[in-house]
Amino acid sequence: MQYTSLGGAFEVGASCHLLQVDGRNIVIDSGLRPNRRGDKSLPDFERLDGLTNGRVDLILVSHAHIDHTGSLPLLHAQFPAAPIYCTVPTKTIAQLLLRDTIRIMQHRSEEDRSEFPLFDENDVERAMFALREREFDEWFEPIEGVRVRFHRSGHIVGAAAVLIDTNEAKVVYSGDVSDATQRTVAGMRPIDYFQPDLLILEGTYGDNAHSNRKDQERALIDGVAEVVQGGGTVLIPAFALGRAQEILLILKTSMLSGLIPPFPIYVDGMVRAICDAYDDLMEYLPDRLQKYAENSRQPLFWSESKGNIPRVRKLTAQDRITMFTDTTPKCIISSSGMLVGGPSAYYARTLATIKKDAIFMTGYQDEESPGRRLLELKTGDTLVIDGDEIPVEARIEQYKLSAHADQIQLCQQVSYMKPRSIVLVHGEPRALQKLRQKLTDKYLVFVPMNGDTFNPLAKPDWMSDAKGRQLEQQQTEYVGWIVTDATGVSIRFGNDLMEDETWQRFFQGYEQVEARFDGRRIRLKVGVDPSPESDEDG
């Protein structure tokens, strides 16, 4: 087996991974870098072509976010014969996001003639025509000898961890993971039925533990209500897919329950189309949300003011200027979530200068994004957005409503799968290195750079033979038999356990053991000590 990161290593963006396994070339995801333009935003397709001799056998897509799908039209154009698979919601939403990406690229090319769109509508249509849908939790065989299964990863609607089963090795690609229950998607269930040889794991928040989500939601609700009651406008830049819908439902249900007084919410950018798409994907949303939509007999997100029901409506480009001339206190939810272009940057240029207004960030901020720089500023400092210097006087807050698992949650998911080897991707260097430190005692862990090609199942040169044996012993499992009869309970293993170095070192020669329950497990402890050493757990 050979693994190559073509994008998404030591970074968040342009996720694209090549697996060369069992004689097949499999590509997983094909994204864009949000803060780069032109060829610099792309995965390394030239290296992909060289490593595969121009042959890709299969393309798999984990979810619809542009950092995972944004270059898919180019990948398909380069390898048109390769079948492409994803879940039903991912195809529906990816098509919307890719069309919006064309619009953004065209707008940039009009501002700067040295830029040009990377692909057009025809490229997107061809890729979407080739994209085949599969349901969650069903094994299928896209090419002979390769079985695939999409397991709900909890990140956004349609997001999947990708399980790949071949004669040579078993692989899990986590995609983006969240085990927290959100309003629009359930958390990821353990993958405890499939033990991979290789786990390719995201590490966006591998260096910290999330704050309590309910506390963060309540703080956001109170913060928005406070600004609105003070006569101000709150801008919430949000990722169009996933985060924006969560925030809308958080605010809307808080008003419906009487937790805060109602106020108007306006939605702009790509958020509008994604919200409409959710109505068509109702069967993939949590049961509770489906029942809410059924009982309310109205669109999931849009509503007119009535009692505690707030006015929630879409904004057009023509409406935007009225957001500044209308002094009614309100909340605006708009893409992009990191203030990298989009209507949110347009609103931020004005609202950031007004003391009674606020800009609340709720999602991941790339280290080079305007959103990250805004969070680091002090009142009175200037922020550069699209080349304009903006004096910041508004209230700036960050609320951590992440749709990614933190370090503790990622390690928990790893413990369910028990992989032989782990490759960490999709994170800034500090996050990936911190996560590696937590995992390296029990697993063989790689943190590659983009372009690295290696066998992730082979002991690396930098690892000592002793460490390699230790990891192998920790991961080796022995199957035994439980025999119950009138004399008691016997647990028997085969001769292969007796040949293990750990058995010979710590347990050979002992005849008596003590047993105690540790949850659902039984711990065995040697009871008779024939030597000065030991009393080791078994």
Protein backbone atom coordinates (compact mmCIF):
# COMPACT_ATOMS: atom_id res chain seq x y z
CA MET A 1 0.00 0.00 0.00
CA GLN A 2 1.06 3.56 -0.74
CA TYR A 3 -0.53 6.74 0.59
CA THR A 4 -0.03 10.24 -0.82
CA SER A 5 -1.47 13.52 0.40
CA LEU A 6 -2.18 15.71 -2.62
CA GLY A 7 -3.70 18.42 -0.40
CA GLY A 8 -5.01 18.85 3.12
CA ALA A 9 -1.84 17.83 4.97
CA PHE A 10 -0.62 20.31 7.60
CA GLU A 11 -3.49 22.57 6.48
CA VAL A 12 -7.26 22.87 6.30
CA GLY A 13 -8.18 23.08 2.63
CA ALA A 14 -7.75 21.28 -0.71
CA SER A 15 -8.33 17.88 0.88
CA CYS A 16 -7.31 15.20 -1.61
CA HIS A 17 -5.77 11.81 -0.84
CA LEU A 18 -4.43 9.02 -3.05
CA LEU A 19 -4.59 5.40 -1.90
CA GLN A 20 -2.69 2.88 -4.01
CA VAL A 21 -3.94 -0.40 -2.61
CA ASP A 22 -4.45 -3.86 -4.07
CA GLY A 23 -3.31 -2.60 -7.47
CA ARG A 24 -5.96 0.17 -7.54
CA ASN A 25 -5.62 3.95 -7.54
CA ILE A 26 -8.32 5.42 -5.29
CA VAL A 27 -8.74 9.17 -4.76
CA ILE A 28 -10.70 10.43 -1.75
CA ASP A 29 -12.04 14.02 -1.87
CA SER A 30 -10.96 16.83 -4.15
CA GLY A 31 -11.18 20.26 -2.54
CA LEU A 32 -10.01 23.86 -2.82
CA ARG A 33 -7.99 26.09 -0.47
CA PRO A 34 -10.36 28.88 0.68
CA ASN A 35 -7.63 31.52 1.01
CA ARG A 36 -5.82 30.83 -2.27
CA ARG A 37 -6.66 31.67 -5.83
CA GLY A 38 -5.98 30.05 -9.18
CA ASP A 39 -3.68 27.03 -9.33
CA LYS A 40 -2.47 27.66 -5.75
CA SER A 41 -5.93 26.72 -4.48
CA LEU A 42 -5.78 23.25 -6.03
CA PRO A 43 -4.51 19.84 -4.94
CA ASP A 44 -1.41 18.57 -6.73
CA PHE A 45 -3.06 16.95 -9.74
CA GLU A 46 0.25 16.85 -11.63
CA ARG A 47 1.72 14.58 -8.97
CA LEU A 48 -1.47 12.50 -9.03
CA ASP A 49 -1.07 11.98 -12.77
CA GLY A 50 2.57 10.98 -12.36
CA LEU A 51 1.98 8.53 -9.52
CA THR A 52 -0.93 6.80 -11.25
CA ASN A 53 0.43 6.87 -14.82
CA GLY A 54 -2.77 8.64 -15.80
CA ARG A 55 -5.12 6.00 -14.36
CA VAL A 56 -7.50 6.59 -11.45
CA ASP A 57 -9.83 3.66 -10.75
CA LEU A 58 -12.21 5.20 -8.21
CA ILE A 59 -13.09 8.58 -6.68
CA LEU A 60 -14.91 8.80 -3.32
CA VAL A 61 -16.32 11.99 -1.76
CA SER A 62 -16.87 12.33 1.99
CA HIS A 63 -19.06 15.47 2.09
CA ALA A 64 -20.01 18.62 0.21
CA HIS A 65 -17.91 21.37 1.79
CA ILE A 66 -15.81 23.13 -0.83
CA ASP A 67 -12.52 22.26 0.87
CA HIS A 68 -13.46 18.65 0.00
CA THR A 69 -15.31 19.04 -3.35
CA GLY A 70 -14.20 22.37 -4.85
CA SER A 71 -11.85 20.88 -7.46
CA LEU A 72 -13.97 17.83 -8.30
CA PRO A 73 -14.88 19.16 -11.80
CA LEU A 74 -11.17 19.38 -12.65
CA LEU A 75 -10.42 15.92 -11.25
CA HIS A 76 -13.25 14.43 -13.27
CA ALA A 77 -12.09 16.22 -16.42
CA GLN A 78 -8.61 14.77 -15.93
CA PHE A 79 -9.87 11.23 -15.20
CA PRO A 80 -13.31 11.02 -16.87
CA ALA A 81 -13.48 7.22 -16.76
CA ALA A 82 -13.15 6.98 -12.98
CA PRO A 83 -16.50 6.37 -11.24
CA ILE A 84 -17.34 8.86 -8.47
CA TYR A 85 -19.47 8.03 -5.41
CA CYS A 86 -20.97 10.00 -2.52
CA THR A 87 -24.15 10.10 -0.40
CA VAL A 88 -27.44 11.53 -1.71
CA PRO A 89 -27.32 14.79 0.32
CA THR A 90 -23.69 15.36 -0.66
CA LYS A 91 -24.50 15.29 -4.36
CA THR A 92 -27.50 17.61 -3.94
CA ILE A 93 -25.55 20.23 -2.01
CA ALA A 94 -22.21 19.90 -3.83
CA GLN A 95 -23.91 20.93 -7.04
CA LEU A 96 -25.16 24.14 -5.41
CA LEU A 97 -21.79 24.97 -3.87
CA LEU A 98 -19.84 24.32 -7.06
CA ARG A 99 -22.12 26.61 -9.04
CA ASP A 100 -21.60 29.29 -6.41
CA THR A 101 -17.85 28.74 -6.69
CA ILE A 102 -18.08 29.53 -10.40
CA ARG A 103 -19.87 32.77 -9.60
CA ILE A 104 -17.18 33.75 -7.10
CA MET A 105 -14.38 32.96 -9.55
CA GLN A 106 -16.07 34.95 -12.30
CA HIS A 107 -16.46 37.93 -9.94
CA ARG A 108 -12.78 37.77 -9.04
CA SER A 109 -11.74 37.60 -12.68
CA GLU A 110 -13.73 40.76 -13.36
CA GLU A 111 -11.87 42.53 -10.54
CA ASP A 112 -8.47 41.18 -11.56
CA ARG A 113 -7.90 40.31 -15.22
CA SER A 114 -4.91 38.16 -14.32
CA GLU A 115 -7.33 35.69 -12.69
CA PHE A 116 -9.57 33.27 -14.54
CA PRO A 117 -12.23 30.72 -13.48
CA LEU A 118 -10.78 27.25 -12.97
CA PHE A 119 -13.89 25.59 -14.41
CA ASP A 120 -17.30 26.49 -15.82
CA GLU A 121 -20.92 25.30 -15.72
CA ASN A 122 -20.29 22.58 -18.29
CA ASP A 123 -17.47 21.14 -16.18
CA VAL A 124 -19.74 21.05 -13.13
CA GLU A 125 -22.58 19.46 -15.07
CA ARG A 126 -20.32 16.72 -16.41
CA ALA A 127 -18.95 15.97 -12.94
CA MET A 128 -22.44 15.90 -11.43
CA PHE A 129 -23.68 13.58 -14.17
CA ALA A 130 -20.83 11.19 -13.34
CA LEU A 131 -21.42 11.40 -9.58
CA ARG A 132 -23.26 8.31 -8.34
CA GLU A 133 -25.27 8.26 -5.12
CA ARG A 134 -25.28 5.61 -2.43
CA GLU A 135 -27.13 5.40 0.87
CA PHE A 136 -25.50 5.29 4.28
CA ASP A 137 -24.68 2.03 6.05
CA GLU A 138 -24.75 -0.19 2.96
CA TRP A 139 -21.74 -2.02 1.55
CA PHE A 140 -21.39 -1.74 -2.22
CA GLU A 141 -18.71 -2.77 -4.73
CA PRO A 142 -17.96 0.21 -7.04
CA ILE A 143 -15.13 -1.66 -8.75
CA GLU A 144 -14.30 -5.34 -8.64
CA GLY A 145 -12.53 -6.37 -5.46
CA VAL A 146 -13.14 -3.08 -3.60
CA ARG A 147 -16.03 -2.74 -1.14
CA VAL A 148 -17.10 0.67 0.19
CA ARG A 149 -19.47 1.83 2.91
CA PHE A 150 -20.54 5.35 3.91
CA HIS A 151 -20.85 5.75 7.70
CA ARG A 152 -22.49 8.90 9.09
CA SER A 153 -19.71 11.13 10.45
CA GLY A 154 -22.00 13.71 12.12
CA HIS A 155 -20.33 16.80 10.63
CA ILE A 156 -23.09 18.08 8.34
CA VAL A 157 -26.02 16.51 6.54
CA GLY A 158 -24.70 13.89 4.14
CA ALA A 159 -21.20 13.77 5.64
CA ALA A 160 -19.63 10.33 5.77
CA ALA A 161 -16.63 8.46 6.99
CA VAL A 162 -15.54 6.24 4.10
CA LEU A 163 -14.84 2.58 4.81
CA ILE A 164 -12.81 0.74 2.16
CA ASP A 165 -12.29 -3.03 2.20
CA THR A 166 -9.78 -4.67 -0.17
CA ASN A 167 -7.84 -7.93 -0.23
CA GLU A 168 -4.65 -6.07 0.70
CA ALA A 169 -5.90 -3.82 3.49
CA LYS A 170 -8.85 -2.20 5.21
CA VAL A 171 -8.98 1.61 5.32
CA VAL A 172 -11.15 4.22 7.04
CA TYR A 173 -11.09 7.83 5.86
CA SER A 174 -12.79 9.82 8.60
CA GLY A 175 -13.71 12.87 6.53
CA ASP A 176 -14.79 15.59 8.95
CA VAL A 177 -16.05 14.18 12.25
CA SER A 178 -18.40 15.38 14.98
CA ASP A 179 -19.87 13.20 17.70
CA ALA A 180 -21.90 16.07 19.19
CA THR A 181 -25.64 16.03 18.53
CA GLN A 182 -26.61 19.07 16.47
CA ARG A 183 -30.05 20.24 15.42
CA THR A 184 -29.56 19.29 11.78
CA VAL A 185 -27.45 16.15 12.15
CA ALA A 186 -26.90 13.43 14.73
CA GLY A 187 -23.42 12.82 16.12
CA MET A 188 -21.17 10.13 14.71
CA ARG A 189 -21.78 6.63 16.01
CA PRO A 190 -18.72 4.47 16.76
CA ILE A 191 -17.16 2.44 13.98
CA ASP A 192 -16.74 -0.61 16.18
CA TYR A 193 -17.66 -3.18 13.55
CA PHE A 194 -14.73 -2.60 11.19
CA GLN A 195 -11.10 -2.65 12.34
CA PRO A 196 -8.99 -0.87 9.72
CA ASP A 197 -5.33 -1.37 8.96
CA LEU A 198 -5.15 2.35 8.16
CA LEU A 199 -7.16 5.26 9.55
CA ILE A 200 -6.85 8.63 7.78
CA LEU A 201 -8.06 10.98 10.50
CA GLU A 202 -8.90 14.68 10.53
CA GLY A 203 -7.33 16.76 13.32
CA THR A 204 -8.85 20.23 13.01
CA TYR A 205 -9.20 20.56 16.78
CA GLY A 206 -6.64 17.95 17.77
CA ASP A 207 -4.99 20.35 20.21
CA ASN A 208 -7.88 21.24 22.52
CA ALA A 209 -11.14 20.29 24.22
CA HIS A 210 -14.36 22.04 23.24
CA SER A 211 -16.31 24.15 25.65
CA ASN A 212 -19.69 22.78 26.66
CA ARG A 213 -21.86 23.19 23.57
CA LYS A 214 -25.07 24.07 25.43
CA ASP A 215 -23.23 26.77 27.36
CA GLN A 216 -21.85 28.20 24.12
CA GLU A 217 -25.28 28.16 22.49
CA ARG A 218 -26.81 29.94 25.46
CA ALA A 219 -24.02 32.53 25.45
CA LEU A 220 -24.65 33.17 21.74
CA ILE A 221 -28.40 33.51 22.30
CA ASP A 222 -27.89 35.95 25.17
CA GLY A 223 -25.26 37.90 23.24
CA VAL A 224 -27.47 38.39 20.19
CA ALA A 225 -30.47 39.35 22.33
CA GLU A 226 -28.39 41.88 24.28
CA VAL A 227 -27.15 43.65 21.14
CA VAL A 228 -30.60 43.67 19.53
CA GLN A 229 -32.26 44.97 22.69
CA GLY A 230 -29.63 47.73 22.71
CA GLY A 231 -30.81 48.82 19.26
CA GLY A 232 -27.99 47.22 17.30
CA THR A 233 -27.51 44.81 14.42
CA VAL A 234 -25.64 41.52 14.80
CA LEU A 235 -23.77 40.02 11.86
CA ILE A 236 -23.02 36.31 12.12
CA PRO A 237 -20.69 35.23 9.30
CA ALA A 238 -21.37 31.53 8.87
CA PHE A 239 -20.46 28.64 6.64
CA ALA A 240 -23.33 28.36 4.19
CA LEU A 241 -23.61 24.62 4.71
CA GLY A 242 -24.21 23.34 8.23
CA ARG A 243 -23.28 26.17 10.55
CA ALA A 244 -25.75 28.73 9.18
CA GLN A 245 -28.66 26.29 9.51
CA GLU A 246 -27.65 25.45 13.09
CA ILE A 247 -27.55 29.12 14.09
CA LEU A 248 -30.89 29.84 12.44
CA LEU A 249 -32.56 27.04 14.37
CA ILE A 250 -30.84 27.99 17.65
CA LEU A 251 -32.15 31.56 17.43
CA LYS A 252 -35.55 30.65 16.04
CA THR A 253 -36.35 27.98 18.63
CA SER A 254 -35.14 30.29 21.43
CA MET A 255 -37.73 32.85 20.36
CA LEU A 256 -40.47 30.27 19.91
CA SER A 257 -39.89 29.00 23.44
CA GLY A 258 -39.94 32.52 24.86
CA LEU A 259 -36.32 32.36 25.97
CA ILE A 260 -35.61 35.68 24.23
CA PRO A 261 -37.94 38.28 22.63
CA PRO A 262 -38.49 37.86 18.87
CA PHE A 263 -36.52 39.95 16.38
CA PRO A 264 -36.11 39.74 12.59
CA ILE A 265 -33.45 37.49 11.06
CA TYR A 266 -32.17 38.10 7.54
CA VAL A 267 -30.27 35.51 5.53
CA ASP A 268 -27.91 36.29 2.67
CA GLY A 269 -25.42 34.61 0.39
CA MET A 270 -25.26 30.91 -0.39
CA VAL A 271 -27.01 30.24 2.92
CA ARG A 272 -30.35 30.90 1.19
CA ALA A 273 -30.07 28.11 -1.38
CA ILE A 274 -28.70 25.59 1.15
CA CYS A 275 -31.63 26.25 3.50
CA ASP A 276 -34.03 25.55 0.62
CA ALA A 277 -32.14 22.34 -0.19
CA TYR A 278 -32.64 21.08 3.38
CA ASP A 279 -36.39 21.00 2.76
CA ASP A 280 -35.73 18.53 -0.08
CA LEU A 281 -33.43 16.42 2.14
CA MET A 282 -35.84 16.08 5.03
CA GLU A 283 -35.48 12.29 5.30
CA TYR A 284 -31.77 12.72 6.09
CA LEU A 285 -32.39 15.14 8.97
CA PRO A 286 -32.90 14.03 12.60
CA ASP A 287 -36.36 12.67 13.48
CA ARG A 288 -37.02 15.53 15.87
CA LEU A 289 -36.46 18.10 13.13
CA GLN A 290 -38.63 16.13 10.69
CA LYS A 291 -41.49 16.13 13.22
CA TYR A 292 -41.07 19.86 13.81
CA ALA A 293 -41.35 20.56 10.08
CA GLU A 294 -44.34 18.23 9.73
CA ASN A 295 -46.23 19.80 12.64
CA SER A 296 -45.45 23.40 11.69
CA ARG A 297 -46.59 22.87 8.07
CA GLN A 298 -44.21 25.57 6.85
CA PRO A 299 -40.67 25.74 5.49
CA LEU A 300 -38.03 24.65 7.97
CA PHE A 301 -36.28 28.01 8.12
CA TRP A 302 -38.44 30.78 6.61
CA SER A 303 -41.30 32.41 8.53
CA GLU A 304 -43.24 35.65 8.99
CA SER A 305 -43.61 37.47 12.28
CA LYS A 306 -46.51 36.20 14.40
CA GLY A 307 -46.49 36.04 18.20
CA ASN A 308 -43.19 34.44 19.21
CA ILE A 309 -42.51 33.40 15.63
CA PRO A 310 -39.78 35.67 14.23
CA ARG A 311 -39.58 37.02 10.73
CA VAL A 312 -36.92 35.01 8.88
CA ARG A 313 -36.45 36.00 5.26
CA LYS A 314 -33.95 35.92 2.42
CA LEU A 315 -32.08 38.99 1.25
CA THR A 316 -31.34 39.76 -2.38
CA ALA A 317 -28.44 41.87 -3.61
CA GLN A 318 -30.89 44.77 -4.00
CA ASP A 319 -31.98 44.41 -0.36
CA ARG A 320 -28.49 44.78 1.10
CA ILE A 321 -28.36 48.55 1.20
CA THR A 322 -31.60 48.62 3.20
CA MET A 323 -29.87 46.69 5.99
CA PHE A 324 -28.02 49.94 6.78
CA THR A 325 -30.84 52.42 6.19
CA ASP A 326 -33.36 50.35 8.20
CA THR A 327 -32.63 51.08 11.86
CA THR A 328 -34.74 48.17 13.14
CA PRO A 329 -32.61 45.96 15.44
CA LYS A 330 -31.94 42.65 13.71
CA CYS A 331 -29.62 39.74 13.06
CA ILE A 332 -27.97 38.97 9.70
CA ILE A 333 -26.64 35.50 8.96
CA SER A 334 -24.51 35.39 5.85
CA SER A 335 -21.69 33.54 4.11
CA SER A 336 -18.75 33.38 4.10
CA GLY A 337 -17.93 32.19 7.58
CA MET A 338 -14.34 33.48 7.59
CA LEU A 339 -15.14 36.86 5.93
CA VAL A 340 -13.30 35.70 2.81
CA GLY A 341 -15.50 37.55 0.32
CA GLY A 342 -19.24 37.00 0.06
CA PRO A 343 -22.00 39.22 1.50
CA SER A 344 -20.64 38.82 5.05
CA ALA A 345 -17.54 40.83 4.08
CA TYR A 346 -19.83 43.51 2.58
CA TYR A 347 -21.82 43.83 5.81
CA ALA A 348 -18.72 43.68 8.02
CA ARG A 349 -17.14 46.70 6.33
CA THR A 350 -19.95 48.90 7.69
CA LEU A 351 -21.09 47.15 10.85
CA ALA A 352 -17.55 46.83 12.24
CA THR A 353 -17.36 50.64 12.50
CA ILE A 354 -20.53 51.05 14.63
CA LYS A 355 -20.25 50.68 18.41
CA LYS A 356 -23.80 49.45 19.03
CA ASP A 357 -23.47 46.69 16.41
CA ALA A 358 -21.68 43.36 16.71
CA ILE A 359 -19.95 40.68 14.68
CA PHE A 360 -20.14 37.21 16.22
CA MET A 361 -17.91 34.43 14.85
CA THR A 362 -19.01 30.85 15.45
CA GLY A 363 -16.78 28.62 13.34
CA TYR A 364 -13.25 27.66 12.41
CA GLN A 365 -11.09 30.58 11.26
CA ASP A 366 -8.12 29.82 9.02
CA GLU A 367 -4.94 31.43 10.35
CA GLU A 368 -4.71 33.71 7.30
CA SER A 369 -8.40 34.64 7.09
CA PRO A 370 -9.89 38.09 7.84
CA GLY A 371 -12.08 36.37 10.45
CA ARG A 372 -9.02 35.19 12.41
CA ARG A 373 -7.44 38.66 12.22
CA LEU A 374 -10.70 40.25 13.40
CA LEU A 375 -10.72 38.07 16.52
CA GLU A 376 -7.16 39.14 17.33
CA LEU A 377 -7.88 42.89 17.10
CA LYS A 378 -8.60 45.35 19.87
CA THR A 379 -11.25 48.05 19.69
CA GLY A 380 -9.99 50.88 17.50
CA ASP A 381 -7.61 48.68 15.48
CA THR A 382 -8.10 48.42 11.73
CA LEU A 383 -9.09 45.32 9.78
CA VAL A 384 -8.33 44.84 6.08
CA ILE A 385 -11.26 43.32 4.16
CA ASP A 386 -10.99 43.00 0.38
CA GLY A 387 -8.25 45.62 0.39
CA ASP A 388 -10.18 48.17 2.50
CA GLU A 389 -8.93 49.29 5.94
CA ILE A 390 -11.83 49.23 8.40
CA PRO A 391 -11.64 50.76 11.91
CA VAL A 392 -13.20 48.26 14.32
CA GLU A 393 -15.55 49.76 16.94
CA ALA A 394 -18.25 47.06 17.04
CA ARG A 395 -18.50 44.30 19.62
CA ILE A 396 -16.54 41.26 18.47
CA GLU A 397 -17.13 37.84 20.04
CA GLN A 398 -16.38 34.22 19.28
CA TYR A 399 -18.69 31.36 20.21
CA LYS A 400 -17.39 27.83 19.75
CA LEU A 401 -20.09 25.84 18.01
CA SER A 402 -17.75 23.55 16.18
CA ALA A 403 -18.95 20.76 13.92
CA HIS A 404 -15.58 19.03 14.37
CA ALA A 405 -14.59 16.64 17.14
CA ASP A 406 -12.03 17.79 19.68
CA GLN A 407 -8.96 15.89 20.85
CA ILE A 408 -10.80 13.79 23.42
CA GLN A 409 -13.57 12.86 20.99
CA LEU A 410 -11.13 12.01 18.20
CA CYS A 411 -9.13 9.74 20.50
CA GLN A 412 -12.37 8.05 21.56
CA GLN A 413 -13.30 7.34 17.95
CA VAL A 414 -9.81 5.91 17.37
CA SER A 415 -10.23 3.59 20.37
CA TYR A 416 -13.35 2.08 18.78
CA MET A 417 -11.58 1.32 15.50
CA LYS A 418 -8.20 0.15 16.85
CA PRO A 419 -6.29 0.81 13.61
CA ARG A 420 -2.80 -0.53 12.97
CA SER A 421 -1.69 2.83 11.61
CA ILE A 422 -2.98 6.42 11.57
CA VAL A 423 -2.35 9.29 9.15
CA LEU A 424 -3.33 12.70 10.55
CA VAL A 425 -4.56 15.36 8.10
CA HIS A 426 -6.89 18.38 7.91
CA GLY A 427 -5.41 20.56 10.63
CA GLU A 428 -2.89 23.26 11.35
CA PRO A 429 0.57 21.99 12.40
CA ARG A 430 0.11 22.58 16.13
CA ALA A 431 -3.23 20.75 16.22
CA LEU A 432 -1.88 17.72 14.34
CA GLN A 433 1.30 17.48 16.41
CA LYS A 434 -0.63 17.67 19.70
CA LEU A 435 -3.01 14.95 18.54
CA ARG A 436 -0.08 12.81 17.46
CA GLN A 437 1.44 13.09 20.95
CA LYS A 438 -1.80 11.70 22.43
CA LEU A 439 -1.94 8.76 20.04
CA THR A 440 1.67 7.79 19.49
CA ASP A 441 2.03 5.61 22.61
CA LYS A 442 -0.57 3.16 21.30
CA TYR A 443 -0.49 3.56 17.53
CA LEU A 444 1.84 4.08 14.61
CA VAL A 445 1.07 7.72 13.69
CA PHE A 446 2.16 9.71 10.65
CA VAL A 447 1.76 13.46 10.11
CA PRO A 448 2.68 13.89 6.43
CA MET A 449 3.38 16.96 4.37
CA ASN A 450 1.62 17.50 1.05
CA GLY A 451 3.33 15.42 -1.60
CA ASP A 452 4.67 12.75 0.77
CA THR A 453 4.29 9.20 -0.52
CA PHE A 454 4.88 6.28 1.84
CA ASN A 455 3.63 2.90 3.02
CA PRO A 456 1.61 3.73 6.16
CA LEU A 457 1.63 0.10 7.32
CA ALA A 458 5.42 -0.26 7.34
CA LYS A 459 7.55 0.60 10.36
CA PRO A 460 9.24 3.92 9.54
CA ASP A 461 13.03 4.32 9.65
CA TRP A 462 12.81 6.67 12.61
CA MET A 463 11.06 4.11 14.82
CA SER A 464 13.17 1.75 16.91
CA ASP A 465 12.69 -2.01 16.62
CA ALA A 466 11.66 -2.13 20.29
CA LYS A 467 8.96 0.51 19.79
CA GLY A 468 7.74 -1.30 16.69
CA ARG A 469 7.42 -4.56 18.62
CA GLN A 470 5.64 -2.77 21.47
CA LEU A 471 3.01 -1.30 19.13
CA GLU A 472 2.56 -4.62 17.36
CA GLN A 473 2.03 -6.42 20.66
CA GLN A 474 -0.48 -3.83 21.86
CA GLN A 475 -2.52 -4.24 18.70
CA THR A 476 -2.34 -8.03 18.46
CA GLU A 477 -5.50 -9.80 19.57
CA TYR A 478 -5.90 -13.47 20.49
CA VAL A 479 -9.19 -15.34 20.22
CA GLY A 480 -10.06 -17.68 23.06
CA TRP A 481 -12.92 -19.89 24.24
CA ILE A 482 -15.03 -19.72 27.37
CA VAL A 483 -16.01 -23.09 28.82
CA THR A 484 -18.57 -23.24 31.64
CA ASP A 485 -19.23 -26.50 33.49
CA ALA A 486 -19.83 -27.81 36.99
CA THR A 487 -16.24 -27.05 38.02
CA GLY A 488 -16.47 -23.36 37.06
CA VAL A 489 -15.40 -21.10 34.18
CA SER A 490 -12.33 -21.76 32.03
CA ILE A 491 -10.87 -19.37 29.47
CA ARG A 492 -8.60 -21.09 26.96
CA PHE A 493 -6.34 -19.69 24.25
CA GLY A 494 -4.28 -21.37 21.57
CA ASN A 495 -0.52 -21.90 21.45
CA ASP A 496 -0.10 -18.64 19.53
CA LEU A 497 -0.62 -16.70 22.80
CA MET A 498 2.13 -18.72 24.51
CA GLU A 499 4.54 -17.79 21.71
CA ASP A 500 3.97 -14.08 22.24
CA GLU A 501 6.99 -12.26 23.75
CA THR A 502 4.79 -10.38 26.24
CA TRP A 503 3.24 -13.62 27.51
CA GLN A 504 6.64 -15.22 27.92
CA ARG A 505 8.03 -12.18 29.73
CA PHE A 506 5.25 -11.52 32.23
CA PHE A 507 2.91 -14.54 32.50
CA GLN A 508 4.86 -17.72 31.70
CA GLY A 509 4.91 -20.00 34.73
CA TYR A 510 2.00 -18.53 36.67
CA GLU A 511 -0.78 -20.92 37.58
CA GLN A 512 -3.25 -18.81 39.54
CA VAL A 513 -4.98 -15.60 38.46
CA GLU A 514 -7.47 -13.22 40.02
CA ALA A 515 -10.32 -11.73 37.96
CA ARG A 516 -12.32 -8.55 38.41
CA PHE A 517 -14.82 -6.72 36.25
CA ASP A 518 -13.82 -3.40 34.71
CA GLY A 519 -17.07 -2.28 33.10
CA ARG A 520 -17.85 -4.91 30.47
CA ARG A 521 -14.27 -6.20 30.50
CA ILE A 522 -12.58 -8.73 32.76
CA ARG A 523 -9.13 -7.89 34.06
CA LEU A 524 -6.86 -10.77 35.00
CA LYS A 525 -4.12 -10.45 37.60
CA VAL A 526 -1.52 -13.05 38.40
CA GLY A 527 -2.11 -14.42 41.85
CA VAL A 528 1.00 -16.52 42.67
CA ASP A 529 4.36 -14.86 42.22
CA PRO A 530 7.16 -17.40 41.61
CA SER A 531 9.75 -14.67 41.12
CA PRO A 532 10.66 -11.34 42.75
CA GLU A 533 9.21 -9.54 39.75
CA SER A 534 5.84 -8.82 38.97
CA ASP A 535 2.16 -8.61 39.81
CA GLU A 536 1.33 -7.49 36.28
CA ASP A 537 -2.11 -6.88 34.86
CA GLY A 538 -3.12 -9.26 32.09
